[in-house]
């Protein structure tokens, strides 16, 4: 059984994906499954990065525990960077 990602692992993988397109793939994927994931996430990354400038100066909300790593923090940093 694959090891579950921690919150830090997930937020780090998300930030890396947004920064340079590196995708952390699940283990034991078929080649066709890997292709589908890679293709979908590449399209999604472009969409997210294209939309983020619209949110400059906005606050993002989520359900993460205050003080813990959060995907919204990554998105706000990029939008306001």
Protein backbone atom coordinates (compact mmCIF):
# COMPACT_ATOMS: atom_id res chain seq x y z
CA UNK A 1 0.00 0.00 0.00
CA UNK A 2 1.42 3.43 -0.91
CA UNK A 3 2.26 5.80 1.89
CA UNK A 4 -0.26 8.62 2.32
CA UNK A 5 0.99 12.14 1.72
CA UNK A 6 1.26 14.53 4.63
CA UNK A 7 -0.23 18.01 4.41
CA UNK A 8 3.28 19.40 3.94
CA UNK A 9 3.94 16.89 1.14
CA UNK A 10 0.68 17.81 -0.63
CA UNK A 11 1.18 21.57 -0.38
CA UNK A 12 4.80 21.23 -1.51
CA UNK A 13 3.78 19.06 -4.50
CA UNK A 14 1.08 21.59 -5.41
CA UNK A 15 3.53 24.53 -5.25
CA UNK A 16 6.09 22.63 -7.33
CA UNK A 17 3.46 21.74 -9.92
CA UNK A 18 2.38 25.38 -10.22
CA UNK A 19 5.96 26.67 -10.30
CA UNK A 20 7.50 24.37 -12.89
CA UNK A 21 4.89 21.83 -14.01
CA UNK A 22 6.43 18.87 -12.18
CA UNK A 23 3.69 16.35 -11.38
CA UNK A 24 4.03 13.90 -8.51
CA UNK A 25 2.41 10.79 -9.96
CA UNK A 26 0.72 8.10 -7.88
CA UNK A 27 2.53 4.78 -7.83
CA UNK A 28 1.58 1.83 -10.05
CA UNK A 29 -0.18 3.77 -12.80
CA UNK A 30 -0.57 2.26 -16.21
CA UNK A 31 1.10 4.19 -19.02
CA UNK A 32 -2.32 5.27 -20.29
CA UNK A 33 -3.37 6.37 -16.79
CA UNK A 34 -0.17 8.39 -16.41
CA UNK A 35 -0.75 10.03 -19.79
CA UNK A 36 -4.34 11.00 -18.88
CA UNK A 37 -3.29 12.49 -15.54
CA UNK A 38 -0.34 14.35 -17.04
CA UNK A 39 -2.46 15.75 -19.87
CA UNK A 40 -5.29 16.84 -17.57
CA UNK A 41 -3.00 18.45 -15.01
CA UNK A 42 -1.04 20.29 -17.69
CA UNK A 43 -4.27 21.82 -18.99
CA UNK A 44 -5.46 22.62 -15.47
CA UNK A 45 -2.14 24.26 -14.55
CA UNK A 46 -2.42 26.59 -17.55
CA UNK A 47 -5.97 27.53 -16.60
CA UNK A 48 -5.05 28.21 -12.94
CA UNK A 49 -1.99 30.29 -13.82
CA UNK A 50 -3.98 32.30 -16.39
CA UNK A 51 -6.71 33.10 -13.85
CA UNK A 52 -4.57 33.93 -10.81
CA UNK A 53 -3.72 37.54 -11.81
CA UNK A 54 -7.44 38.34 -11.54
CA UNK A 55 -7.24 37.57 -7.83
CA UNK A 56 -4.39 39.95 -7.02
CA UNK A 57 -5.14 41.66 -3.71
CA UNK A 58 -7.87 39.18 -2.74
CA UNK A 59 -7.88 36.83 0.21
CA UNK A 60 -8.46 33.14 -0.26
CA UNK A 61 -10.37 31.01 2.23
CA UNK A 62 -10.12 27.30 2.92
CA UNK A 63 -10.70 24.67 5.56
CA UNK A 64 -7.07 24.10 6.54
CA UNK A 65 -6.19 24.40 10.20
CA UNK A 66 -4.89 27.92 10.92
CA UNK A 67 -1.11 27.95 10.92
CA UNK A 68 -0.76 24.75 8.88
CA UNK A 69 0.49 24.63 5.28
CA UNK A 70 -2.27 25.44 2.79
CA UNK A 71 -2.78 25.35 -0.97
CA UNK A 72 -4.53 28.74 -0.75
CA UNK A 73 -1.34 30.30 0.60
CA UNK A 74 0.50 29.09 -2.49
CA UNK A 75 -2.19 30.48 -4.79
CA UNK A 76 -2.20 33.86 -3.01
CA UNK A 77 1.61 34.10 -3.21
CA UNK A 78 1.49 33.53 -6.96
CA UNK A 79 -1.48 35.88 -7.50
CA UNK A 80 0.18 38.65 -5.51
CA UNK A 81 3.75 37.98 -6.61
